[in-house]
C-alpha cells in the first residue's frame, strides 16, 4: 500500500488546503495501514504521526476519520480526492466528481487492469498540487464538472447496470441455472 500512496508527496500540501479553502470542509481518511506503514518502515515516528494528526485536526474545517464505515462519508461528500484504487469504481455510484491522484503513467500502466483504466478515463486525474487545486476550484467550487454526463453514462452502463436490483438479478440467474439443470 505504501508504494502506491501519494501521502508523503502531498502531506504538507494537505495541511495547507484547509487554509487555502476555509469555506470547504475536508474529510481526511487515510488508508488504515498508512500510519502503521510509515512507522514500521521508520519513515515517520509515532511523534511525527501524532503531530501531523493534531495539526490537521486543529482546523475547524477538517474531520479526521480513522476507520469505520466510509459510506456515510461518501454520501456527505460533494467530491472525492484520493489515490485508492479500490474506490475508483465504487464512488461512481454517487454520480459525484472524483479526482484520482497518481504518480505517473507507468503506475497506471502497471497497476491497473484494462477495466480500471476505463474507469480512470472518466475521472479527473491529478499528479501535482496545481492539479488538485484546479479540481477544487473548477469542479467542486465552480461546479464546472465537464466529465459529469460522460461519467454518469459510463457508470450506468458499466458499474450500476444491476443497481439497485443486484440481488434480484443474482436470484434470477440462479433460478435460470437450476431450471436449465433440471431440463438436461
N, C-alpha and C. Protein backbone atom coordinates (compact mmCIF):
# COMPACT_ATOMS: atom_id res chain seq x y z
N UNK A 1 0.83 -1.20 0.00
CA UNK A 1 0.00 0.00 0.00
C UNK A 1 0.87 1.25 0.00
N UNK A 2 2.01 1.21 0.67
CA UNK A 2 2.84 2.40 0.80
C UNK A 2 3.40 2.86 -0.54
N UNK A 3 3.79 1.93 -1.41
CA UNK A 3 4.39 2.34 -2.67
C UNK A 3 3.37 3.00 -3.60
N UNK A 4 2.08 2.71 -3.43
CA UNK A 4 1.06 3.34 -4.26
C UNK A 4 0.56 4.64 -3.67
N UNK A 5 0.81 4.86 -2.41
CA UNK A 5 0.31 6.05 -1.74
C UNK A 5 1.07 7.29 -2.18
N UNK A 6 0.34 8.38 -2.25
CA UNK A 6 0.94 9.67 -2.56
C UNK A 6 1.02 10.56 -1.33
N UNK A 7 0.78 9.98 -0.19
CA UNK A 7 0.70 10.76 1.04
C UNK A 7 1.97 11.55 1.31
N UNK A 8 3.12 10.92 1.24
CA UNK A 8 4.37 11.63 1.56
C UNK A 8 4.61 12.79 0.60
N UNK A 9 4.22 12.62 -0.63
CA UNK A 9 4.39 13.67 -1.63
C UNK A 9 3.52 14.89 -1.32
N UNK A 10 2.35 14.64 -0.73
CA UNK A 10 1.37 15.71 -0.53
C UNK A 10 1.06 16.01 0.93
N UNK A 11 1.76 15.40 1.86
CA UNK A 11 1.40 15.57 3.28
C UNK A 11 1.43 17.03 3.72
N UNK A 12 2.44 17.79 3.32
CA UNK A 12 2.49 19.21 3.68
C UNK A 12 1.37 19.99 2.99
N UNK A 13 1.10 19.66 1.76
CA UNK A 13 0.04 20.31 0.99
C UNK A 13 -1.33 20.08 1.64
N UNK A 14 -1.56 18.86 2.11
CA UNK A 14 -2.84 18.56 2.77
C UNK A 14 -3.05 19.46 3.99
N UNK A 15 -1.97 19.84 4.64
CA UNK A 15 -2.09 20.74 5.79
C UNK A 15 -2.38 22.18 5.37
N UNK A 16 -2.08 22.52 4.13
CA UNK A 16 -2.34 23.87 3.62
C UNK A 16 -3.77 24.03 3.10
N UNK A 17 -4.35 22.95 2.62
CA UNK A 17 -5.67 23.03 1.99
C UNK A 17 -6.74 23.68 2.87
N UNK A 18 -6.82 23.37 4.15
CA UNK A 18 -7.87 24.00 4.97
C UNK A 18 -7.74 25.52 5.07
N UNK A 19 -6.51 26.04 4.94
CA UNK A 19 -6.35 27.50 4.98
C UNK A 19 -6.57 28.11 3.60
N UNK A 20 -6.23 27.39 2.55
CA UNK A 20 -6.48 27.87 1.19
C UNK A 20 -7.99 27.94 0.95
N UNK A 21 -8.71 26.96 1.50
CA UNK A 21 -10.16 26.85 1.29
C UNK A 21 -10.89 26.81 2.64
N UNK A 22 -10.96 27.94 3.33
CA UNK A 22 -11.59 27.93 4.65
C UNK A 22 -13.09 27.63 4.62
N UNK A 23 -13.72 27.79 3.45
CA UNK A 23 -15.15 27.52 3.33
C UNK A 23 -15.45 26.13 2.78
N UNK A 24 -14.43 25.33 2.64
CA UNK A 24 -14.60 23.94 2.18
C UNK A 24 -14.32 23.03 3.36
N UNK A 25 -15.21 22.08 3.57
CA UNK A 25 -14.99 21.09 4.62
C UNK A 25 -14.28 19.89 4.03
N UNK A 26 -13.22 19.46 4.69
CA UNK A 26 -12.41 18.33 4.23
C UNK A 26 -12.57 17.16 5.20
N UNK A 27 -12.61 15.98 4.65
CA UNK A 27 -12.55 14.76 5.45
C UNK A 27 -11.21 14.11 5.13
N UNK A 28 -10.39 13.94 6.12
CA UNK A 28 -9.11 13.25 5.93
C UNK A 28 -9.28 11.84 6.47
N UNK A 29 -9.21 10.90 5.57
CA UNK A 29 -9.42 9.50 5.94
C UNK A 29 -8.30 8.67 5.33
N UNK A 30 -7.20 8.49 6.05
CA UNK A 30 -6.08 7.75 5.48
C UNK A 30 -6.38 6.25 5.40
N UNK A 31 -5.65 5.59 4.54
CA UNK A 31 -5.73 4.13 4.48
C UNK A 31 -5.42 3.60 5.88
N UNK A 32 -6.12 2.56 6.32
CA UNK A 32 -5.89 2.05 7.68
C UNK A 32 -4.44 1.67 7.97
N UNK A 33 -3.68 1.35 6.94
CA UNK A 33 -2.28 0.95 7.16
C UNK A 33 -1.27 2.07 6.94
N UNK A 34 -1.74 3.25 6.53
CA UNK A 34 -0.80 4.32 6.19
C UNK A 34 0.15 4.64 7.34
N UNK A 35 -0.37 5.04 8.47
CA UNK A 35 0.49 5.46 9.57
C UNK A 35 1.25 4.28 10.17
N UNK A 36 0.65 3.11 10.15
CA UNK A 36 1.34 1.90 10.62
C UNK A 36 2.56 1.64 9.74
N UNK A 37 2.37 1.72 8.42
CA UNK A 37 3.49 1.50 7.50
C UNK A 37 4.56 2.58 7.62
N UNK A 38 4.13 3.83 7.79
CA UNK A 38 5.12 4.91 7.96
C UNK A 38 5.98 4.67 9.19
N UNK A 39 5.35 4.22 10.25
CA UNK A 39 6.10 3.96 11.48
C UNK A 39 6.94 2.69 11.37
N UNK A 40 6.34 1.61 10.89
CA UNK A 40 7.06 0.33 10.79
C UNK A 40 8.27 0.41 9.86
N UNK A 41 8.15 1.22 8.82
CA UNK A 41 9.26 1.39 7.88
C UNK A 41 10.20 2.52 8.29
N UNK A 42 9.98 3.04 9.49
CA UNK A 42 10.81 4.09 10.07
C UNK A 42 10.91 5.34 9.17
N UNK A 43 9.80 5.64 8.51
CA UNK A 43 9.73 6.84 7.69
C UNK A 43 9.27 8.01 8.55
N UNK A 44 8.29 7.75 9.40
CA UNK A 44 7.83 8.72 10.39
C UNK A 44 7.82 8.06 11.75
N UNK A 45 8.07 8.85 12.77
CA UNK A 45 7.99 8.34 14.14
C UNK A 45 6.54 8.47 14.64
N UNK A 46 6.27 7.84 15.76
CA UNK A 46 4.95 7.97 16.40
C UNK A 46 4.65 9.43 16.68
N UNK A 47 5.68 10.14 17.12
CA UNK A 47 5.52 11.56 17.46
C UNK A 47 5.17 12.38 16.21
N UNK A 48 5.83 12.10 15.10
CA UNK A 48 5.52 12.82 13.85
C UNK A 48 4.07 12.56 13.43
N UNK A 49 3.65 11.33 13.54
CA UNK A 49 2.28 10.97 13.17
C UNK A 49 1.29 11.70 14.08
N UNK A 50 1.56 11.66 15.37
CA UNK A 50 0.70 12.33 16.35
C UNK A 50 0.62 13.83 16.06
N UNK A 51 1.77 14.45 15.79
CA UNK A 51 1.80 15.89 15.49
C UNK A 51 1.05 16.21 14.20
N UNK A 52 1.20 15.36 13.21
CA UNK A 52 0.51 15.58 11.94
C UNK A 52 -1.00 15.56 12.14
N UNK A 53 -1.47 14.53 12.81
CA UNK A 53 -2.91 14.41 13.05
C UNK A 53 -3.41 15.57 13.90
N UNK A 54 -2.63 15.96 14.89
CA UNK A 54 -3.00 17.10 15.74
C UNK A 54 -3.12 18.38 14.91
N UNK A 55 -2.14 18.64 14.06
CA UNK A 55 -2.18 19.83 13.22
C UNK A 55 -3.38 19.79 12.29
N UNK A 56 -3.59 18.67 11.67
CA UNK A 56 -4.71 18.51 10.74
C UNK A 56 -6.05 18.75 11.43
N UNK A 57 -6.21 18.17 12.58
CA UNK A 57 -7.50 18.28 13.28
C UNK A 57 -7.66 19.61 14.02
N UNK A 58 -6.63 20.43 14.03
CA UNK A 58 -6.76 21.75 14.64
C UNK A 58 -7.58 22.69 13.75
N UNK A 59 -7.73 22.35 12.49
CA UNK A 59 -8.55 23.15 11.58
C UNK A 59 -10.02 22.82 11.80
N UNK A 60 -10.84 23.87 11.85
CA UNK A 60 -12.27 23.65 12.09
C UNK A 60 -12.98 23.05 10.88
N UNK A 61 -12.36 23.12 9.72
CA UNK A 61 -12.99 22.58 8.52
C UNK A 61 -12.40 21.24 8.08
N UNK A 62 -11.78 20.53 9.02
CA UNK A 62 -11.23 19.20 8.73
C UNK A 62 -11.79 18.19 9.73
N UNK A 63 -12.28 17.10 9.19
CA UNK A 63 -12.68 15.95 10.02
C UNK A 63 -11.67 14.85 9.77
N UNK A 64 -11.19 14.24 10.82
CA UNK A 64 -10.27 13.12 10.70
C UNK A 64 -11.03 11.85 11.00
N UNK A 65 -11.02 10.92 10.06
CA UNK A 65 -11.69 9.64 10.23
C UNK A 65 -10.66 8.54 10.21
N UNK A 66 -10.71 7.71 11.21
CA UNK A 66 -9.75 6.62 11.34
C UNK A 66 -10.52 5.31 11.42
N UNK A 67 -10.87 4.78 10.26
CA UNK A 67 -11.57 3.51 10.21
C UNK A 67 -13.07 3.68 10.26
N UNK A 68 -13.76 2.55 10.37
CA UNK A 68 -15.21 2.55 10.39
C UNK A 68 -15.79 2.61 8.99
N UNK A 69 -17.08 2.79 8.95
CA UNK A 69 -17.83 2.80 7.69
C UNK A 69 -17.56 4.09 6.92
N UNK A 70 -17.14 3.95 5.68
CA UNK A 70 -16.88 5.14 4.86
C UNK A 70 -18.07 5.53 4.00
N UNK A 71 -19.12 4.73 3.98
CA UNK A 71 -20.28 5.03 3.13
C UNK A 71 -20.92 6.36 3.50
N UNK A 72 -21.04 6.61 4.78
CA UNK A 72 -21.62 7.88 5.24
C UNK A 72 -20.77 9.06 4.78
N UNK A 73 -19.46 8.92 4.83
CA UNK A 73 -18.57 9.98 4.35
C UNK A 73 -18.76 10.22 2.86
N UNK A 74 -18.88 9.14 2.11
CA UNK A 74 -19.12 9.26 0.67
C UNK A 74 -20.42 10.03 0.42
N UNK A 75 -21.46 9.67 1.11
CA UNK A 75 -22.76 10.30 0.90
C UNK A 75 -22.72 11.78 1.27
N UNK A 76 -22.05 12.12 2.35
CA UNK A 76 -21.96 13.52 2.80
C UNK A 76 -21.08 14.37 1.89
N UNK A 77 -20.22 13.75 1.14
CA UNK A 77 -19.23 14.49 0.34
C UNK A 77 -19.84 15.09 -0.92
N UNK A 78 -19.17 16.13 -1.42
CA UNK A 78 -19.52 16.70 -2.71
C UNK A 78 -18.60 16.17 -3.80
N UNK A 79 -17.44 15.67 -3.39
CA UNK A 79 -16.45 15.15 -4.33
C UNK A 79 -15.46 14.31 -3.53
N UNK A 80 -14.62 13.58 -4.26
CA UNK A 80 -13.62 12.74 -3.61
C UNK A 80 -12.27 12.97 -4.29
N UNK A 81 -11.26 13.23 -3.49
CA UNK A 81 -9.87 13.32 -3.95
C UNK A 81 -9.13 12.20 -3.24
N UNK A 82 -8.53 11.31 -3.99
CA UNK A 82 -7.94 10.12 -3.37
C UNK A 82 -6.93 9.45 -4.28
N UNK A 83 -6.25 8.44 -3.71
CA UNK A 83 -5.34 7.62 -4.51
C UNK A 83 -5.59 6.14 -4.24
N UNK A 84 -6.82 5.82 -3.87
CA UNK A 84 -7.18 4.44 -3.52
C UNK A 84 -7.86 3.76 -4.71
N UNK A 85 -7.16 2.83 -5.32
CA UNK A 85 -7.71 2.13 -6.47
C UNK A 85 -9.03 1.44 -6.19
N UNK A 86 -9.24 1.03 -4.95
CA UNK A 86 -10.49 0.35 -4.59
C UNK A 86 -11.71 1.26 -4.70
N UNK A 87 -11.50 2.56 -4.59
CA UNK A 87 -12.64 3.48 -4.59
C UNK A 87 -12.99 4.01 -5.98
N UNK A 88 -12.16 3.80 -6.98
CA UNK A 88 -12.39 4.47 -8.26
C UNK A 88 -13.75 4.13 -8.85
N UNK A 89 -14.16 2.87 -8.80
CA UNK A 89 -15.46 2.48 -9.34
C UNK A 89 -16.56 2.66 -8.31
N UNK A 90 -16.26 2.39 -7.06
CA UNK A 90 -17.28 2.43 -6.01
C UNK A 90 -17.90 3.82 -5.87
N UNK A 91 -17.09 4.86 -5.95
CA UNK A 91 -17.61 6.21 -5.78
C UNK A 91 -18.50 6.63 -6.95
N UNK A 92 -18.37 5.97 -8.09
CA UNK A 92 -19.19 6.29 -9.25
C UNK A 92 -20.67 6.09 -8.99
N UNK A 93 -21.02 5.26 -8.02
CA UNK A 93 -22.43 5.06 -7.69
C UNK A 93 -23.12 6.35 -7.27
N UNK A 94 -22.36 7.32 -6.81
CA UNK A 94 -22.94 8.55 -6.29
C UNK A 94 -23.09 9.66 -7.33
N UNK A 95 -22.57 9.45 -8.52
CA UNK A 95 -22.64 10.45 -9.60
C UNK A 95 -21.96 11.76 -9.23
N UNK A 96 -20.98 11.70 -8.36
CA UNK A 96 -20.25 12.88 -7.93
C UNK A 96 -18.85 12.88 -8.53
N UNK A 97 -18.25 14.06 -8.70
CA UNK A 97 -16.91 14.12 -9.28
C UNK A 97 -15.85 13.50 -8.37
N UNK A 98 -14.86 12.96 -9.03
CA UNK A 98 -13.81 12.21 -8.33
C UNK A 98 -12.48 12.56 -8.97
N UNK A 99 -11.50 12.82 -8.13
CA UNK A 99 -10.15 13.14 -8.59
C UNK A 99 -9.19 12.08 -8.07
N UNK A 100 -8.56 11.38 -8.98
CA UNK A 100 -7.63 10.32 -8.60
C UNK A 100 -6.20 10.85 -8.69
N UNK A 101 -5.47 10.74 -7.59
CA UNK A 101 -4.08 11.18 -7.54
C UNK A 101 -3.18 10.01 -7.93
N UNK A 102 -2.31 10.25 -8.90
CA UNK A 102 -1.40 9.19 -9.33
C UNK A 102 0.00 9.75 -9.46
N UNK A 103 0.96 8.82 -9.48
CA UNK A 103 2.36 9.23 -9.52
C UNK A 103 2.83 9.52 -10.94
N UNK A 104 2.56 8.59 -11.84
CA UNK A 104 2.99 8.73 -13.23
C UNK A 104 2.23 7.72 -14.09
N UNK A 105 2.36 7.86 -15.39
CA UNK A 105 1.65 6.98 -16.30
C UNK A 105 2.09 5.52 -16.13
N UNK A 106 3.32 5.31 -15.78
CA UNK A 106 3.82 3.95 -15.57
C UNK A 106 3.03 3.26 -14.46
N UNK A 107 2.69 3.99 -13.41
CA UNK A 107 1.88 3.42 -12.33
C UNK A 107 0.53 2.95 -12.88
N UNK A 108 -0.10 3.78 -13.69
CA UNK A 108 -1.40 3.42 -14.28
C UNK A 108 -1.24 2.19 -15.15
N UNK A 109 -0.22 2.19 -16.00
CA UNK A 109 0.01 1.08 -16.92
C UNK A 109 0.23 -0.24 -16.21
N UNK A 110 0.95 -0.21 -15.09
CA UNK A 110 1.33 -1.45 -14.41
C UNK A 110 0.38 -1.88 -13.30
N UNK A 111 -0.32 -0.96 -12.69
CA UNK A 111 -1.13 -1.29 -11.51
C UNK A 111 -2.62 -1.47 -11.80
N UNK A 112 -3.06 -1.07 -12.98
CA UNK A 112 -4.49 -1.12 -13.27
C UNK A 112 -4.80 -2.08 -14.41
N UNK A 113 -5.92 -2.78 -14.25
CA UNK A 113 -6.41 -3.64 -15.32
C UNK A 113 -6.99 -2.75 -16.42
N UNK A 114 -7.35 -3.36 -17.54
CA UNK A 114 -7.99 -2.59 -18.60
C UNK A 114 -9.30 -1.96 -18.11
N UNK A 115 -10.06 -2.71 -17.31
CA UNK A 115 -11.30 -2.15 -16.76
C UNK A 115 -11.01 -0.97 -15.85
N UNK A 116 -9.99 -1.08 -15.02
CA UNK A 116 -9.61 0.03 -14.15
C UNK A 116 -9.20 1.25 -14.95
N UNK A 117 -8.48 1.03 -16.04
CA UNK A 117 -8.06 2.15 -16.90
C UNK A 117 -9.27 2.82 -17.54
N UNK A 118 -10.29 2.02 -17.89
CA UNK A 118 -11.52 2.60 -18.46
C UNK A 118 -12.22 3.48 -17.43
N UNK A 119 -12.25 3.03 -16.19
CA UNK A 119 -12.85 3.85 -15.13
C UNK A 119 -12.08 5.16 -15.00
N UNK A 120 -10.76 5.09 -14.98
CA UNK A 120 -9.94 6.29 -14.82
C UNK A 120 -10.17 7.32 -15.92
N UNK A 121 -10.57 6.87 -17.10
CA UNK A 121 -10.86 7.79 -18.21
C UNK A 121 -12.03 8.72 -17.89
N UNK A 122 -12.81 8.36 -16.88
CA UNK A 122 -14.00 9.13 -16.53
C UNK A 122 -13.83 9.92 -15.23
N UNK A 123 -12.60 9.94 -14.73
CA UNK A 123 -12.29 10.67 -13.51
C UNK A 123 -11.33 11.81 -13.83
N UNK A 124 -11.28 12.78 -12.96
CA UNK A 124 -10.26 13.81 -13.05
C UNK A 124 -8.98 13.22 -12.47
N UNK A 125 -7.87 13.54 -13.08
CA UNK A 125 -6.59 12.96 -12.68
C UNK A 125 -5.67 14.07 -12.17
N UNK A 126 -4.91 13.76 -11.14
CA UNK A 126 -4.01 14.75 -10.56
C UNK A 126 -2.65 14.12 -10.26
N UNK A 127 -1.62 14.84 -10.67
CA UNK A 127 -0.24 14.46 -10.34
C UNK A 127 0.43 15.51 -9.48
N UNK A 128 -0.12 16.70 -9.48
CA UNK A 128 0.53 17.82 -8.80
C UNK A 128 -0.45 18.56 -7.88
N UNK A 129 0.10 19.40 -7.02
CA UNK A 129 -0.73 20.25 -6.18
C UNK A 129 -1.62 21.13 -7.04
N UNK A 130 -1.07 21.64 -8.12
CA UNK A 130 -1.84 22.51 -9.02
C UNK A 130 -3.05 21.76 -9.59
N UNK A 131 -2.86 20.49 -9.94
CA UNK A 131 -3.98 19.68 -10.45
C UNK A 131 -5.09 19.56 -9.40
N UNK A 132 -4.70 19.37 -8.16
CA UNK A 132 -5.69 19.23 -7.08
C UNK A 132 -6.41 20.56 -6.86
N UNK A 133 -5.67 21.66 -6.87
CA UNK A 133 -6.27 22.98 -6.72
C UNK A 133 -7.23 23.26 -7.87
N UNK A 134 -6.84 22.92 -9.09
CA UNK A 134 -7.74 23.11 -10.23
C UNK A 134 -9.03 22.31 -10.05
N UNK A 135 -8.91 21.09 -9.55
CA UNK A 135 -10.09 20.27 -9.31
C UNK A 135 -11.01 20.94 -8.29
N UNK A 136 -10.44 21.38 -7.19
CA UNK A 136 -11.26 22.02 -6.15
C UNK A 136 -11.88 23.31 -6.67
N UNK A 137 -11.06 24.16 -7.31
CA UNK A 137 -11.56 25.45 -7.81
C UNK A 137 -12.65 25.30 -8.86
N UNK A 138 -12.37 24.50 -9.87
CA UNK A 138 -13.26 24.44 -11.02
C UNK A 138 -14.37 23.40 -10.91
N UNK A 139 -14.04 22.24 -10.46
CA UNK A 139 -15.03 21.16 -10.44
C UNK A 139 -15.90 21.24 -9.18
N UNK A 140 -15.28 21.40 -8.03
CA UNK A 140 -16.04 21.39 -6.77
C UNK A 140 -16.70 22.74 -6.51
N UNK A 141 -15.93 23.82 -6.52
CA UNK A 141 -16.47 25.13 -6.14
C UNK A 141 -17.30 25.75 -7.26
N UNK A 142 -16.77 25.78 -8.47
CA UNK A 142 -17.49 26.40 -9.59
C UNK A 142 -18.46 25.44 -10.27
N UNK A 143 -18.45 24.18 -9.85
CA UNK A 143 -19.36 23.17 -10.38
C UNK A 143 -19.26 23.04 -11.91
N UNK A 144 -18.05 23.14 -12.43
CA UNK A 144 -17.81 23.00 -13.87
C UNK A 144 -17.36 21.57 -14.17
N UNK A 145 -18.22 20.63 -13.86
CA UNK A 145 -17.92 19.21 -13.98
C UNK A 145 -18.13 18.75 -15.42
N UNK A 146 -17.14 18.99 -16.26
CA UNK A 146 -17.29 18.67 -17.68
C UNK A 146 -17.29 17.18 -17.98
N UNK A 147 -16.92 16.36 -17.03
CA UNK A 147 -16.96 14.90 -17.22
C UNK A 147 -18.26 14.28 -16.70
N UNK A 148 -19.14 15.10 -16.14
CA UNK A 148 -20.31 14.58 -15.44
C UNK A 148 -21.17 13.65 -16.30
N UNK A 149 -21.63 14.13 -17.44
CA UNK A 149 -22.51 13.31 -18.28
C UNK A 149 -21.82 12.04 -18.74
N UNK A 150 -20.59 12.17 -19.18
CA UNK A 150 -19.82 11.01 -19.64
C UNK A 150 -19.61 10.01 -18.50
N UNK A 151 -19.29 10.52 -17.31
CA UNK A 151 -19.05 9.67 -16.15
C UNK A 151 -20.33 8.95 -15.71
N UNK A 152 -21.44 9.68 -15.65
CA UNK A 152 -22.70 9.09 -15.23
C UNK A 152 -23.16 8.03 -16.22
N UNK A 153 -23.02 8.31 -17.51
CA UNK A 153 -23.40 7.33 -18.53
C UNK A 153 -22.52 6.08 -18.44
N UNK A 154 -21.23 6.28 -18.27
CA UNK A 154 -20.31 5.14 -18.12
C UNK A 154 -20.69 4.31 -16.90
N UNK A 155 -20.94 4.97 -15.79
CA UNK A 155 -21.31 4.25 -14.57
C UNK A 155 -22.60 3.48 -14.75
N UNK A 156 -23.55 4.10 -15.41
CA UNK A 156 -24.85 3.45 -15.64
C UNK A 156 -24.69 2.19 -16.48
N UNK A 157 -23.85 2.26 -17.50
CA UNK A 157 -23.68 1.14 -18.42
C UNK A 157 -22.71 0.08 -17.92
N UNK A 158 -21.74 0.47 -17.11
CA UNK A 158 -20.66 -0.46 -16.75
C UNK A 158 -20.53 -0.79 -15.27
N UNK A 159 -21.03 0.07 -14.43
CA UNK A 159 -20.86 -0.12 -12.99
C UNK A 159 -22.20 -0.44 -12.32
N UNK A 160 -23.21 0.35 -12.66
CA UNK A 160 -24.51 0.24 -11.99
C UNK A 160 -25.54 -0.53 -12.80
N UNK A 161 -25.12 -1.37 -13.70
CA UNK A 161 -26.07 -2.00 -14.61
C UNK A 161 -27.11 -2.87 -13.91
N UNK A 162 -26.85 -3.36 -12.72
CA UNK A 162 -27.84 -4.12 -11.94
C UNK A 162 -28.36 -3.33 -10.75
N UNK A 163 -27.94 -2.10 -10.63
CA UNK A 163 -28.29 -1.29 -9.46
C UNK A 163 -29.71 -0.77 -9.59
N UNK A 164 -30.56 -0.80 -8.64
CA UNK A 164 -30.34 -1.32 -7.29
C UNK A 164 -30.85 -2.75 -7.12
N UNK A 165 -30.91 -3.47 -8.21
CA UNK A 165 -31.54 -4.80 -8.18
C UNK A 165 -30.55 -5.93 -8.32
N UNK A 166 -29.36 -5.78 -7.83
CA UNK A 166 -28.32 -6.80 -7.98
C UNK A 166 -28.75 -8.13 -7.38
N UNK A 167 -29.35 -8.09 -6.21
CA UNK A 167 -29.79 -9.33 -5.57
C UNK A 167 -30.83 -10.04 -6.42
N UNK A 168 -31.77 -9.27 -6.96
CA UNK A 168 -32.80 -9.87 -7.81
C UNK A 168 -32.17 -10.49 -9.06
N UNK A 169 -31.20 -9.83 -9.65
CA UNK A 169 -30.51 -10.37 -10.83
C UNK A 169 -29.80 -11.68 -10.49
N UNK A 170 -29.17 -11.72 -9.33
CA UNK A 170 -28.47 -12.94 -8.90
C UNK A 170 -29.47 -14.07 -8.69
N UNK A 171 -30.59 -13.76 -8.03
CA UNK A 171 -31.61 -14.79 -7.80
C UNK A 171 -32.18 -15.29 -9.12
N UNK A 172 -32.46 -14.38 -10.05
CA UNK A 172 -32.98 -14.79 -11.36
C UNK A 172 -31.99 -15.68 -12.09
N UNK A 173 -30.71 -15.34 -12.01
CA UNK A 173 -29.67 -16.14 -12.66
C UNK A 173 -29.62 -17.54 -12.05
N UNK A 174 -29.65 -17.63 -10.73
CA UNK A 174 -29.60 -18.93 -10.06
C UNK A 174 -30.82 -19.76 -10.43
N UNK A 175 -32.00 -19.14 -10.43
CA UNK A 175 -33.23 -19.86 -10.82
C UNK A 175 -33.12 -20.38 -12.25
N UNK A 176 -32.59 -19.56 -13.14
CA UNK A 176 -32.44 -19.96 -14.54
C UNK A 176 -31.47 -21.13 -14.65
N UNK A 177 -30.37 -21.06 -13.92
CA UNK A 177 -29.39 -22.14 -13.95
C UNK A 177 -29.97 -23.44 -13.39
N UNK A 178 -30.74 -23.34 -12.31
CA UNK A 178 -31.37 -24.52 -11.74
C UNK A 178 -32.39 -25.12 -12.70
N UNK A 179 -33.15 -24.26 -13.36
CA UNK A 179 -34.13 -24.74 -14.34
C UNK A 179 -33.41 -25.42 -15.50
N UNK A 180 -32.33 -24.80 -15.98
CA UNK A 180 -31.56 -25.40 -17.07
C UNK A 180 -30.98 -26.75 -16.67
N UNK A 181 -30.57 -26.86 -15.42
CA UNK A 181 -30.03 -28.13 -14.91
C UNK A 181 -31.11 -29.20 -14.89
N UNK A 182 -32.32 -28.83 -14.50
CA UNK A 182 -33.43 -29.78 -14.47
C UNK A 182 -33.83 -30.22 -15.88
N UNK A 183 -33.72 -29.31 -16.83
CA UNK A 183 -34.12 -29.61 -18.20
C UNK A 183 -33.13 -30.52 -18.92
N UNK A 184 -31.96 -30.70 -18.37
CA UNK A 184 -30.93 -31.52 -19.02
C UNK A 184 -31.17 -32.97 -18.83
